[in-house]
């Protein structure tokens, strides 16, 4: 993930050169690509600088609760599964996952049936919107056993498309 403090310094530099917010945003996009801060952030920092607040440090704010799972306190028994949607495979997301010690389970392209929501949760929700409260722990366990079977099936067909169980 991009270092936003570094980008704030770049925004301040552009501000001091009297560049517009739009020009600054385009410069950041050129330099940082997908990791560039957004239009709103650039506008907010321009506002700070216009008001004479020249520090590039964030103001203190409440952060993550001390009980949150972090790289330092996790036990390593978690895995992360997502499909190959571009929002999930963007460089910034991959860097965040790496930084936080989350190793994604590889997902072959064009295999939506491997996502537990697609073969387990969504069909139930379609049948009955009250389904979520009625799902037992055993049913969730069975869901993930079924998911493992689907992963094995995907491996056995070398990642090619397959239907059903």
Protein backbone atom coordinates (compact mmCIF):
# COMPACT_ATOMS: atom_id res chain seq x y z
CA UNK A 1 0.00 0.00 0.00
CA UNK A 2 1.21 3.49 -0.81
CA UNK A 3 2.69 5.66 1.90
CA UNK A 4 0.07 8.40 2.17
CA UNK A 5 2.42 10.62 4.20
CA UNK A 6 4.72 10.62 1.17
CA UNK A 7 1.77 11.53 -1.05
CA UNK A 8 0.73 14.32 1.32
CA UNK A 9 4.24 15.74 0.94
CA UNK A 10 3.77 15.59 -2.84
CA UNK A 11 0.40 17.35 -2.51
CA UNK A 12 2.01 20.06 -0.38
CA UNK A 13 4.80 20.44 -2.96
CA UNK A 14 2.23 20.85 -5.77
CA UNK A 15 0.26 23.30 -3.62
CA UNK A 16 3.39 25.40 -3.04
CA UNK A 17 4.01 25.37 -6.81
CA UNK A 18 0.46 26.73 -7.21
CA UNK A 19 -0.76 23.72 -9.13
CA UNK A 20 -4.51 23.06 -9.07
CA UNK A 21 -6.08 20.17 -7.20
CA UNK A 22 -6.88 18.51 -10.54
CA UNK A 23 -3.28 18.83 -11.73
CA UNK A 24 -2.07 17.46 -8.40
CA UNK A 25 -4.43 14.51 -8.58
CA UNK A 26 -3.25 13.66 -12.11
CA UNK A 27 0.39 13.88 -10.96
CA UNK A 28 -0.34 11.50 -8.07
CA UNK A 29 -2.15 9.07 -10.38
CA UNK A 30 0.81 9.11 -12.75
CA UNK A 31 3.27 8.45 -9.95
CA UNK A 32 1.29 6.10 -7.70
CA UNK A 33 -1.14 4.48 -10.16
CA UNK A 34 -3.82 2.48 -8.26
CA UNK A 35 -2.34 3.47 -4.91
CA UNK A 36 -2.80 7.21 -5.46
CA UNK A 37 -4.97 9.03 -2.93
CA UNK A 38 -8.37 10.08 -4.22
CA UNK A 39 -9.85 13.40 -5.29
CA UNK A 40 -11.50 13.94 -1.89
CA UNK A 41 -8.25 13.43 -0.01
CA UNK A 42 -6.36 15.79 -2.32
CA UNK A 43 -9.09 18.42 -1.85
CA UNK A 44 -8.99 18.02 1.93
CA UNK A 45 -5.21 18.45 2.04
CA UNK A 46 -5.41 21.48 -0.28
CA UNK A 47 -7.94 22.93 2.17
CA UNK A 48 -5.58 22.36 5.11
CA UNK A 49 -2.74 24.08 3.28
CA UNK A 50 -4.96 27.00 2.17
CA UNK A 51 -5.93 27.49 5.81
CA UNK A 52 -2.28 27.73 6.81
CA UNK A 53 -2.10 24.21 8.29
CA UNK A 54 1.15 23.18 6.64
CA UNK A 55 1.85 19.93 8.53
CA UNK A 56 1.52 16.78 6.46
CA UNK A 57 0.86 14.66 9.56
CA UNK A 58 -2.62 13.28 10.15
CA UNK A 59 -4.48 14.68 13.12
CA UNK A 60 -4.81 12.20 16.00
CA UNK A 61 -7.94 10.06 15.81
CA UNK A 62 -9.30 6.98 17.41
CA UNK A 63 -7.86 3.91 15.79
CA UNK A 64 -8.26 0.21 15.74
CA UNK A 65 -9.36 -1.25 19.08
CA UNK A 66 -6.57 -2.89 21.04
CA UNK A 67 -8.41 -6.21 20.81
CA UNK A 68 -8.45 -6.21 17.00
CA UNK A 69 -6.65 -8.98 15.14
CA UNK A 70 -3.35 -7.66 13.86
CA UNK A 71 -0.25 -9.22 12.35
CA UNK A 72 1.36 -9.12 15.79
CA UNK A 73 -1.42 -10.89 17.70
CA UNK A 74 -2.87 -13.34 15.23
CA UNK A 75 -2.45 -17.03 15.77
CA UNK A 76 -1.92 -17.90 12.11
CA UNK A 77 -4.90 -20.23 11.91
CA UNK A 78 -6.89 -18.02 9.52
CA UNK A 79 -7.04 -18.13 5.75
CA UNK A 80 -8.59 -15.64 3.38
CA UNK A 81 -10.61 -16.64 0.33
CA UNK A 82 -11.93 -14.29 -2.32
CA UNK A 83 -12.65 -14.50 -6.02
CA UNK A 84 -10.55 -12.84 -8.70
CA UNK A 85 -12.60 -9.65 -8.93
CA UNK A 86 -10.35 -6.74 -9.84
CA UNK A 87 -11.20 -5.04 -6.55
CA UNK A 88 -9.76 -8.07 -4.73
CA UNK A 89 -6.62 -8.44 -6.84
CA UNK A 90 -5.60 -4.77 -7.03
CA UNK A 91 -2.02 -4.12 -6.03
CA UNK A 92 -3.06 -2.09 -2.98
CA UNK A 93 -5.25 -4.97 -1.71
CA UNK A 94 -2.51 -7.55 -2.27
CA UNK A 95 0.01 -5.35 -0.48
CA UNK A 96 -2.42 -4.83 2.43
CA UNK A 97 -2.98 -8.58 2.75
CA UNK A 98 0.76 -9.24 2.69
CA UNK A 99 1.48 -6.48 5.19
CA UNK A 100 -1.12 -7.92 7.57
CA UNK A 101 0.02 -11.52 7.21
CA UNK A 102 -3.10 -12.68 5.36
CA UNK A 103 -2.39 -15.31 2.77
CA UNK A 104 -5.20 -15.57 0.24
CA UNK A 105 -6.31 -18.99 -0.94
CA UNK A 106 -5.64 -19.04 -4.71
CA UNK A 107 -8.82 -18.87 -6.76
CA UNK A 108 -8.67 -20.12 -10.37
CA UNK A 109 -10.07 -17.75 -12.99
CA UNK A 110 -13.66 -18.24 -14.13
CA UNK A 111 -14.58 -20.47 -11.19
CA UNK A 112 -17.37 -18.68 -9.34
CA UNK A 113 -18.69 -21.95 -7.93
CA UNK A 114 -15.74 -22.12 -5.54
CA UNK A 115 -16.95 -19.15 -3.50
CA UNK A 116 -18.91 -20.46 -0.47
CA UNK A 117 -21.38 -17.60 -0.80
CA UNK A 118 -22.26 -18.71 -4.33
CA UNK A 119 -22.92 -22.36 -3.55
CA UNK A 120 -24.06 -22.12 0.06
CA UNK A 121 -25.22 -18.77 1.37
CA UNK A 122 -26.89 -17.04 -1.59
CA UNK A 123 -29.14 -19.97 -2.54
CA UNK A 124 -30.35 -20.13 1.08
CA UNK A 125 -30.96 -16.40 1.14
CA UNK A 126 -32.96 -16.65 -2.05
CA UNK A 127 -35.19 -19.28 -0.43
CA UNK A 128 -35.62 -17.53 2.86
CA UNK A 129 -34.26 -14.21 4.04
CA UNK A 130 -34.45 -15.54 7.61
CA UNK A 131 -31.92 -18.22 6.67
CA UNK A 132 -28.96 -16.51 8.27
CA UNK A 133 -30.28 -16.87 11.80
CA UNK A 134 -31.16 -20.50 11.21
CA UNK A 135 -27.73 -21.68 10.04
CA UNK A 136 -26.15 -23.93 12.64
CA UNK A 137 -22.44 -24.32 13.34
CA UNK A 138 -22.64 -27.82 11.94
CA UNK A 139 -24.10 -26.49 8.68
CA UNK A 140 -21.24 -23.99 8.41
CA UNK A 141 -18.77 -26.82 9.03
CA UNK A 142 -20.45 -28.85 6.28
CA UNK A 143 -20.28 -25.82 4.01
CA UNK A 144 -16.50 -25.66 4.35
CA UNK A 145 -16.16 -29.41 3.89
CA UNK A 146 -18.11 -29.01 0.66
CA UNK A 147 -15.85 -26.08 -0.27
CA UNK A 148 -12.77 -28.30 0.22
CA UNK A 149 -14.34 -30.91 -2.07
CA UNK A 150 -14.94 -28.24 -4.71
CA UNK A 151 -11.33 -27.08 -4.41
CA UNK A 152 -10.16 -30.68 -4.89
CA UNK A 153 -12.45 -31.02 -7.92
CA UNK A 154 -11.02 -27.81 -9.37
CA UNK A 155 -7.49 -29.16 -8.91
CA UNK A 156 -8.44 -32.47 -10.52
CA UNK A 157 -9.69 -30.67 -13.66
CA UNK A 158 -6.61 -28.39 -13.73
CA UNK A 159 -8.64 -25.26 -13.05
CA UNK A 160 -11.01 -25.79 -15.94
CA UNK A 161 -14.69 -24.90 -15.56
CA UNK A 162 -16.87 -27.50 -13.90
CA UNK A 163 -20.43 -27.61 -12.62
CA UNK A 164 -22.00 -29.14 -9.57
CA UNK A 165 -20.42 -31.31 -6.94
